[in-house]
Amino acid sequence: QQVGYAVVEADLGDRTLLSVGGDVMDSDPKGSTWGGIPLLDSAGNFNRMPRSFNNGAQWAGWRQYVRTGFTTLEHTFANDWIAKLQLNHQVNGYDAALAGAAAGNPDPLTGEGVSLWLGKYVGKTVSNAADFYVSGRN
């Protein structure tokens, strides 16, 4: 996983501050699972697996990324009222090739009798937001 974050601020005057920044995140786990494990084995007994058990295929993964950019402009007026404008842009995406041994009931001795749940998911969302407010006391 990789993460980065940066912010630059500049005083545009005695009472005005501009902030510009962004962040990035990349995650690419391997062996990602999808679904759970069968509750019962083929003999009808509770399927006890160690806590460390992962039913995901070794090649399975769920790559994700986030990119964010933001700008904030803040001004403090002479009467100490504050006006603030914030703009945000964010892109989230994923590419998931998933497989999990989750269907059927495994033989308690051999593990046979289970089939894979397979899935391929690719997506991206883009969001933009703007916020403006003024605060202070009379």
N, C-alpha and C. Protein backbone atom coordinates (compact mmCIF):
# COMPACT_ATOMS: atom_id res chain seq x y z
N GLN A 1 0.84 -1.17 0.00
CA GLN A 1 0.00 0.00 0.00
C GLN A 1 0.89 1.23 0.00
N GLN A 2 0.48 2.23 -0.76
CA GLN A 2 1.21 3.48 -0.81
C GLN A 2 0.26 4.63 -0.50
N VAL A 3 0.74 5.58 0.30
CA VAL A 3 -0.07 6.72 0.70
C VAL A 3 0.78 7.97 0.61
N GLY A 4 0.20 9.06 0.14
CA GLY A 4 0.90 10.33 0.11
C GLY A 4 -0.07 11.47 0.38
N TYR A 5 0.43 12.53 1.00
CA TYR A 5 -0.40 13.67 1.36
C TYR A 5 0.47 14.91 1.35
N ALA A 6 -0.04 15.99 0.79
CA ALA A 6 0.72 17.24 0.77
C ALA A 6 -0.23 18.42 0.85
N VAL A 7 0.21 19.48 1.54
CA VAL A 7 -0.54 20.72 1.65
C VAL A 7 0.43 21.88 1.54
N VAL A 8 0.02 22.89 0.78
CA VAL A 8 0.79 24.13 0.67
C VAL A 8 -0.15 25.26 1.07
N GLU A 9 0.33 26.14 1.94
CA GLU A 9 -0.47 27.28 2.37
C GLU A 9 0.26 28.57 2.04
N ALA A 10 -0.55 29.58 1.71
CA ALA A 10 0.03 30.89 1.40
C ALA A 10 -0.86 31.97 1.99
N ASP A 11 -0.24 32.93 2.65
CA ASP A 11 -0.96 34.11 3.12
C ASP A 11 -1.13 35.05 1.94
N LEU A 12 -2.38 35.34 1.58
CA LEU A 12 -2.65 36.26 0.48
C LEU A 12 -2.80 37.69 0.99
N GLY A 13 -2.72 37.86 2.25
CA GLY A 13 -2.84 39.15 2.92
C GLY A 13 -2.81 38.89 4.41
N ASP A 14 -2.97 39.95 5.20
CA ASP A 14 -2.94 39.80 6.66
C ASP A 14 -4.05 38.89 7.19
N ARG A 15 -5.16 38.83 6.47
CA ARG A 15 -6.32 38.10 6.99
C ARG A 15 -6.87 37.05 6.01
N THR A 16 -6.10 36.70 5.01
CA THR A 16 -6.58 35.75 4.00
C THR A 16 -5.55 34.63 3.81
N LEU A 17 -6.04 33.40 3.92
CA LEU A 17 -5.17 32.23 3.80
C LEU A 17 -5.70 31.32 2.69
N LEU A 18 -4.80 30.91 1.81
CA LEU A 18 -5.12 29.96 0.75
C LEU A 18 -4.38 28.65 1.04
N SER A 19 -5.11 27.55 1.02
CA SER A 19 -4.52 26.22 1.21
C SER A 19 -4.86 25.37 -0.02
N VAL A 20 -3.86 24.67 -0.53
CA VAL A 20 -4.04 23.77 -1.67
C VAL A 20 -3.36 22.45 -1.31
N GLY A 21 -4.04 21.35 -1.56
CA GLY A 21 -3.43 20.08 -1.21
C GLY A 21 -4.04 18.91 -1.96
N GLY A 22 -3.50 17.76 -1.64
CA GLY A 22 -3.99 16.55 -2.25
C GLY A 22 -3.46 15.32 -1.55
N ASP A 23 -4.09 14.20 -1.85
CA ASP A 23 -3.61 12.94 -1.31
C ASP A 23 -3.80 11.84 -2.35
N VAL A 24 -3.00 10.80 -2.20
CA VAL A 24 -3.10 9.62 -3.06
C VAL A 24 -3.02 8.38 -2.18
N MET A 25 -3.72 7.34 -2.60
CA MET A 25 -3.65 6.06 -1.91
C MET A 25 -3.79 4.97 -2.96
N ASP A 26 -2.87 4.02 -2.91
CA ASP A 26 -2.92 2.84 -3.77
C ASP A 26 -2.83 1.60 -2.89
N SER A 27 -3.73 0.67 -3.12
CA SER A 27 -3.74 -0.57 -2.36
C SER A 27 -3.93 -1.72 -3.35
N ASP A 28 -3.09 -2.74 -3.24
CA ASP A 28 -3.17 -3.88 -4.16
C ASP A 28 -2.95 -5.19 -3.40
N PRO A 29 -3.90 -5.56 -2.54
CA PRO A 29 -3.73 -6.80 -1.77
C PRO A 29 -3.88 -8.03 -2.65
N LYS A 30 -3.16 -9.06 -2.31
CA LYS A 30 -3.24 -10.34 -3.03
C LYS A 30 -3.94 -11.37 -2.15
N GLY A 31 -4.55 -12.34 -2.77
CA GLY A 31 -5.27 -13.37 -2.03
C GLY A 31 -6.57 -12.87 -1.44
N SER A 32 -7.14 -11.82 -2.06
CA SER A 32 -8.39 -11.25 -1.55
C SER A 32 -9.51 -12.28 -1.64
N THR A 33 -10.26 -12.39 -0.59
CA THR A 33 -11.35 -13.35 -0.55
C THR A 33 -12.66 -12.68 -0.92
N TRP A 34 -13.62 -13.49 -1.26
CA TRP A 34 -14.94 -13.00 -1.63
C TRP A 34 -15.94 -13.99 -1.07
N GLY A 35 -16.75 -13.56 -0.16
CA GLY A 35 -17.69 -14.46 0.47
C GLY A 35 -17.09 -15.12 1.70
N GLY A 36 -17.83 -16.01 2.27
CA GLY A 36 -17.36 -16.70 3.46
C GLY A 36 -17.00 -18.14 3.15
N ILE A 37 -16.85 -18.92 4.19
CA ILE A 37 -16.57 -20.34 4.01
C ILE A 37 -17.86 -21.11 4.28
N PRO A 38 -18.00 -22.30 3.69
CA PRO A 38 -19.20 -23.10 3.96
C PRO A 38 -19.34 -23.36 5.46
N LEU A 39 -20.56 -23.23 5.97
CA LEU A 39 -20.81 -23.40 7.39
C LEU A 39 -20.63 -24.86 7.83
N LEU A 40 -21.05 -25.79 6.97
CA LEU A 40 -21.00 -27.21 7.34
C LEU A 40 -20.14 -27.98 6.35
N ASP A 41 -19.47 -29.03 6.83
CA ASP A 41 -18.74 -29.91 5.92
C ASP A 41 -19.71 -30.95 5.36
N SER A 42 -19.22 -31.83 4.49
CA SER A 42 -20.10 -32.81 3.83
C SER A 42 -20.69 -33.83 4.80
N ALA A 43 -20.13 -33.95 5.99
CA ALA A 43 -20.68 -34.87 7.00
C ALA A 43 -21.72 -34.18 7.88
N GLY A 44 -21.97 -32.87 7.62
CA GLY A 44 -22.95 -32.13 8.40
C GLY A 44 -22.39 -31.51 9.66
N ASN A 45 -21.08 -31.57 9.85
CA ASN A 45 -20.44 -30.99 11.04
C ASN A 45 -20.05 -29.53 10.77
N PHE A 46 -19.98 -28.76 11.85
CA PHE A 46 -19.53 -27.37 11.74
C PHE A 46 -18.13 -27.35 11.12
N ASN A 47 -17.94 -26.55 10.13
CA ASN A 47 -16.68 -26.46 9.39
C ASN A 47 -15.71 -25.57 10.16
N ARG A 48 -14.92 -26.15 11.01
CA ARG A 48 -13.98 -25.38 11.84
C ARG A 48 -12.70 -25.12 11.06
N MET A 49 -12.40 -23.86 10.89
CA MET A 49 -11.18 -23.47 10.18
C MET A 49 -10.37 -22.57 11.11
N PRO A 50 -9.04 -22.60 11.00
CA PRO A 50 -8.24 -21.71 11.83
C PRO A 50 -8.50 -20.25 11.47
N ARG A 51 -8.31 -19.38 12.42
CA ARG A 51 -8.54 -17.96 12.21
C ARG A 51 -7.75 -17.41 11.03
N SER A 52 -6.59 -17.98 10.76
CA SER A 52 -5.73 -17.51 9.67
C SER A 52 -6.16 -18.03 8.30
N PHE A 53 -7.18 -18.90 8.24
CA PHE A 53 -7.61 -19.48 6.97
C PHE A 53 -8.13 -18.41 6.02
N ASN A 54 -7.72 -18.48 4.77
CA ASN A 54 -8.18 -17.58 3.73
C ASN A 54 -8.67 -18.42 2.57
N ASN A 55 -9.95 -18.30 2.24
CA ASN A 55 -10.49 -19.10 1.14
C ASN A 55 -10.30 -18.44 -0.22
N GLY A 56 -9.59 -17.31 -0.27
CA GLY A 56 -9.34 -16.63 -1.54
C GLY A 56 -8.21 -17.28 -2.31
N ALA A 57 -8.34 -17.23 -3.64
CA ALA A 57 -7.26 -17.75 -4.50
C ALA A 57 -6.04 -16.84 -4.38
N GLN A 58 -4.85 -17.42 -4.50
CA GLN A 58 -3.62 -16.63 -4.36
C GLN A 58 -3.52 -15.53 -5.39
N TRP A 59 -4.07 -15.75 -6.58
CA TRP A 59 -3.99 -14.75 -7.65
C TRP A 59 -5.05 -13.67 -7.52
N ALA A 60 -6.04 -13.87 -6.66
CA ALA A 60 -7.13 -12.90 -6.53
C ALA A 60 -6.62 -11.60 -5.93
N GLY A 61 -7.22 -10.50 -6.32
CA GLY A 61 -6.82 -9.21 -5.80
C GLY A 61 -7.94 -8.20 -5.88
N TRP A 62 -7.78 -7.12 -5.15
CA TRP A 62 -8.78 -6.06 -5.13
C TRP A 62 -8.04 -4.72 -5.13
N ARG A 63 -7.47 -4.37 -6.28
CA ARG A 63 -6.69 -3.14 -6.41
C ARG A 63 -7.63 -1.93 -6.28
N GLN A 64 -7.22 -0.98 -5.43
CA GLN A 64 -8.01 0.22 -5.22
C GLN A 64 -7.11 1.44 -5.24
N TYR A 65 -7.69 2.56 -5.64
CA TYR A 65 -6.92 3.81 -5.62
C TYR A 65 -7.86 4.97 -5.29
N VAL A 66 -7.27 6.00 -4.69
CA VAL A 66 -7.99 7.23 -4.38
C VAL A 66 -7.06 8.39 -4.72
N ARG A 67 -7.62 9.39 -5.38
CA ARG A 67 -6.90 10.63 -5.68
C ARG A 67 -7.79 11.79 -5.25
N THR A 68 -7.26 12.68 -4.43
CA THR A 68 -8.04 13.80 -3.93
C THR A 68 -7.26 15.09 -4.09
N GLY A 69 -7.95 16.12 -4.53
CA GLY A 69 -7.38 17.47 -4.57
C GLY A 69 -8.33 18.42 -3.87
N PHE A 70 -7.79 19.38 -3.15
CA PHE A 70 -8.66 20.31 -2.43
C PHE A 70 -8.03 21.69 -2.35
N THR A 71 -8.89 22.68 -2.24
CA THR A 71 -8.47 24.07 -2.09
C THR A 71 -9.38 24.72 -1.05
N THR A 72 -8.78 25.48 -0.15
CA THR A 72 -9.54 26.22 0.86
C THR A 72 -9.08 27.67 0.85
N LEU A 73 -10.04 28.57 0.84
CA LEU A 73 -9.76 30.00 0.94
C LEU A 73 -10.51 30.52 2.16
N GLU A 74 -9.75 31.09 3.09
CA GLU A 74 -10.34 31.56 4.35
C GLU A 74 -9.97 33.02 4.57
N HIS A 75 -10.98 33.84 4.89
CA HIS A 75 -10.74 35.26 5.15
C HIS A 75 -11.38 35.64 6.48
N THR A 76 -10.62 36.34 7.32
CA THR A 76 -11.12 36.85 8.59
C THR A 76 -11.36 38.34 8.44
N PHE A 77 -12.60 38.76 8.68
CA PHE A 77 -12.96 40.17 8.54
C PHE A 77 -12.55 40.94 9.79
N ALA A 78 -12.60 42.27 9.71
CA ALA A 78 -12.17 43.14 10.81
C ALA A 78 -12.97 42.89 12.09
N ASN A 79 -14.23 42.47 11.95
CA ASN A 79 -15.06 42.20 13.13
C ASN A 79 -14.92 40.75 13.61
N ASP A 80 -13.88 40.06 13.14
CA ASP A 80 -13.56 38.67 13.46
C ASP A 80 -14.54 37.64 12.90
N TRP A 81 -15.41 38.05 12.00
CA TRP A 81 -16.20 37.07 11.27
C TRP A 81 -15.28 36.38 10.27
N ILE A 82 -15.56 35.11 10.00
CA ILE A 82 -14.72 34.33 9.10
C ILE A 82 -15.59 33.79 7.95
N ALA A 83 -15.09 33.95 6.74
CA ALA A 83 -15.71 33.36 5.55
C ALA A 83 -14.76 32.29 5.03
N LYS A 84 -15.32 31.14 4.69
CA LYS A 84 -14.48 30.03 4.25
C LYS A 84 -15.12 29.34 3.04
N LEU A 85 -14.31 29.14 2.01
CA LEU A 85 -14.73 28.42 0.82
C LEU A 85 -13.83 27.21 0.66
N GLN A 86 -14.43 26.05 0.47
CA GLN A 86 -13.63 24.84 0.27
C GLN A 86 -14.15 24.10 -0.95
N LEU A 87 -13.21 23.67 -1.82
CA LEU A 87 -13.51 22.90 -3.02
C LEU A 87 -12.77 21.58 -2.95
N ASN A 88 -13.44 20.50 -3.28
CA ASN A 88 -12.83 19.16 -3.25
C ASN A 88 -13.14 18.41 -4.54
N HIS A 89 -12.16 17.65 -5.02
CA HIS A 89 -12.33 16.78 -6.18
C HIS A 89 -11.70 15.43 -5.80
N GLN A 90 -12.47 14.36 -5.97
CA GLN A 90 -11.95 13.04 -5.59
C GLN A 90 -12.31 12.00 -6.65
N VAL A 91 -11.34 11.13 -6.94
CA VAL A 91 -11.53 10.00 -7.85
C VAL A 91 -11.21 8.72 -7.07
N ASN A 92 -12.15 7.79 -7.07
CA ASN A 92 -11.97 6.47 -6.44
C ASN A 92 -12.13 5.41 -7.52
N GLY A 93 -11.26 4.42 -7.49
CA GLY A 93 -11.39 3.36 -8.48
C GLY A 93 -10.97 2.02 -7.92
N TYR A 94 -11.42 0.98 -8.58
CA TYR A 94 -11.05 -0.36 -8.16
C TYR A 94 -11.06 -1.30 -9.36
N ASP A 95 -10.27 -2.34 -9.25
CA ASP A 95 -10.20 -3.41 -10.24
C ASP A 95 -10.03 -4.70 -9.43
N ALA A 96 -11.11 -5.45 -9.33
CA ALA A 96 -11.11 -6.62 -8.46
C ALA A 96 -11.35 -7.89 -9.28
N ALA A 97 -10.40 -8.78 -9.23
CA ALA A 97 -10.56 -10.13 -9.77
C ALA A 97 -10.59 -11.06 -8.56
N LEU A 98 -11.76 -11.57 -8.24
CA LEU A 98 -11.96 -12.27 -6.97
C LEU A 98 -12.33 -13.74 -7.18
N ALA A 99 -11.90 -14.55 -6.26
CA ALA A 99 -12.29 -15.96 -6.24
C ALA A 99 -12.22 -16.45 -4.80
N GLY A 100 -13.26 -17.14 -4.39
CA GLY A 100 -13.26 -17.70 -3.04
C GLY A 100 -13.88 -19.09 -3.06
N ALA A 101 -13.26 -20.02 -2.37
CA ALA A 101 -13.81 -21.37 -2.23
C ALA A 101 -14.94 -21.29 -1.22
N ALA A 102 -16.15 -21.03 -1.71
CA ALA A 102 -17.23 -20.72 -0.80
C ALA A 102 -18.52 -21.49 -1.06
N ALA A 103 -18.61 -22.23 -2.15
CA ALA A 103 -19.85 -22.94 -2.48
C ALA A 103 -19.67 -24.44 -2.27
N GLY A 104 -20.67 -25.07 -1.71
CA GLY A 104 -20.62 -26.51 -1.48
C GLY A 104 -20.23 -26.83 -0.05
N ASN A 105 -20.03 -28.10 0.20
CA ASN A 105 -19.65 -28.57 1.54
C ASN A 105 -18.42 -29.45 1.42
N PRO A 106 -17.30 -29.03 1.99
CA PRO A 106 -16.05 -29.77 1.82
C PRO A 106 -16.03 -31.11 2.57
N ASP A 107 -15.36 -32.06 1.96
CA ASP A 107 -15.10 -33.33 2.63
C ASP A 107 -14.14 -33.03 3.78
N PRO A 108 -14.44 -33.46 5.01
CA PRO A 108 -13.58 -33.11 6.15
C PRO A 108 -12.17 -33.68 6.06
N LEU A 109 -11.95 -34.70 5.25
CA LEU A 109 -10.62 -35.30 5.12
C LEU A 109 -9.84 -34.77 3.93
N THR A 110 -10.51 -34.58 2.80
CA THR A 110 -9.79 -34.19 1.57
C THR A 110 -10.00 -32.74 1.18
N GLY A 111 -11.05 -32.10 1.66
CA GLY A 111 -11.36 -30.73 1.26
C GLY A 111 -12.12 -30.66 -0.06
N GLU A 112 -12.30 -31.80 -0.73
CA GLU A 112 -13.02 -31.81 -2.00
C GLU A 112 -14.49 -31.50 -1.79
N GLY A 113 -15.15 -31.06 -2.86
CA GLY A 113 -16.58 -30.79 -2.80
C GLY A 113 -16.91 -29.31 -2.71
N VAL A 114 -15.92 -28.47 -2.87
CA VAL A 114 -16.15 -27.02 -2.80
C VAL A 114 -15.85 -26.43 -4.17
N SER A 115 -16.67 -25.49 -4.59
CA SER A 115 -16.41 -24.79 -5.85
C SER A 115 -16.17 -23.31 -5.57
N LEU A 116 -15.65 -22.63 -6.58
CA LEU A 116 -15.27 -21.22 -6.43
C LEU A 116 -16.42 -20.29 -6.77
N TRP A 117 -16.50 -19.21 -6.04
CA TRP A 117 -17.30 -18.07 -6.45
C TRP A 117 -16.33 -17.14 -7.13
N LEU A 118 -16.61 -16.79 -8.37
CA LEU A 118 -15.72 -15.94 -9.14
C LEU A 118 -16.40 -14.62 -9.44
N GLY A 119 -15.62 -13.56 -9.52
CA GLY A 119 -16.16 -12.26 -9.88
C GLY A 119 -15.08 -11.33 -10.39
N LYS A 120 -15.45 -10.47 -11.32
CA LYS A 120 -14.54 -9.45 -11.85
C LYS A 120 -15.30 -8.13 -11.80
N TYR A 121 -14.75 -7.17 -11.10
CA TYR A 121 -15.41 -5.89 -10.92
C TYR A 121 -14.42 -4.77 -11.19
N VAL A 122 -14.83 -3.83 -12.02
CA VAL A 122 -14.01 -2.66 -12.33
C VAL A 122 -14.93 -1.46 -12.21
N GLY A 123 -14.47 -0.43 -11.53
CA GLY A 123 -15.31 0.74 -11.38
C GLY A 123 -14.52 1.98 -11.02
N LYS A 124 -15.18 3.12 -11.20
CA LYS A 124 -14.56 4.40 -10.89
C LYS A 124 -15.67 5.38 -10.56
N THR A 125 -15.47 6.16 -9.52
CA THR A 125 -16.40 7.23 -9.19
C THR A 125 -15.63 8.53 -9.09
N VAL A 126 -16.28 9.59 -9.48
CA VAL A 126 -15.69 10.93 -9.39
C VAL A 126 -16.68 11.79 -8.61
N SER A 127 -16.18 12.49 -7.62
CA SER A 127 -17.05 13.37 -6.85
C SER A 127 -16.42 14.75 -6.71
N ASN A 128 -17.29 15.74 -6.75
CA ASN A 128 -16.87 17.12 -6.57
C ASN A 128 -17.76 17.74 -5.50
N ALA A 129 -17.18 18.58 -4.68
CA ALA A 129 -17.96 19.22 -3.62
C ALA A 129 -17.47 20.64 -3.42
N ALA A 130 -18.41 21.50 -3.05
CA ALA A 130 -18.08 22.89 -2.72
C ALA A 130 -18.82 23.23 -1.43
N ASP A 131 -18.16 23.97 -0.57
CA ASP A 131 -18.74 24.35 0.70
C ASP A 131 -18.35 25.80 0.98
N PHE A 132 -19.34 26.62 1.33
CA PHE A 132 -19.06 28.01 1.69
C PHE A 132 -19.86 28.34 2.94
N TYR A 133 -19.18 28.94 3.91
CA TYR A 133 -19.92 29.37 5.08
C TYR A 133 -19.25 30.59 5.70
N VAL A 134 -20.05 31.29 6.50
CA VAL A 134 -19.59 32.47 7.23
C VAL A 134 -19.95 32.24 8.69
N SER A 135 -19.03 32.55 9.59
CA SER A 135 -19.32 32.38 11.01
C SER A 135 -18.75 33.56 11.80
N GLY A 136 -19.40 33.82 12.93
CA GLY A 136 -18.94 34.90 13.79
C GLY A 136 -19.97 35.20 14.86
N ARG A 137 -19.69 36.25 15.64
CA ARG A 137 -20.61 36.67 16.71
C ARG A 137 -20.94 38.14 16.52
N ASN A 138 -22.18 38.48 16.88
CA ASN A 138 -22.60 39.89 16.81
C ASN A 138 -22.03 40.67 17.95
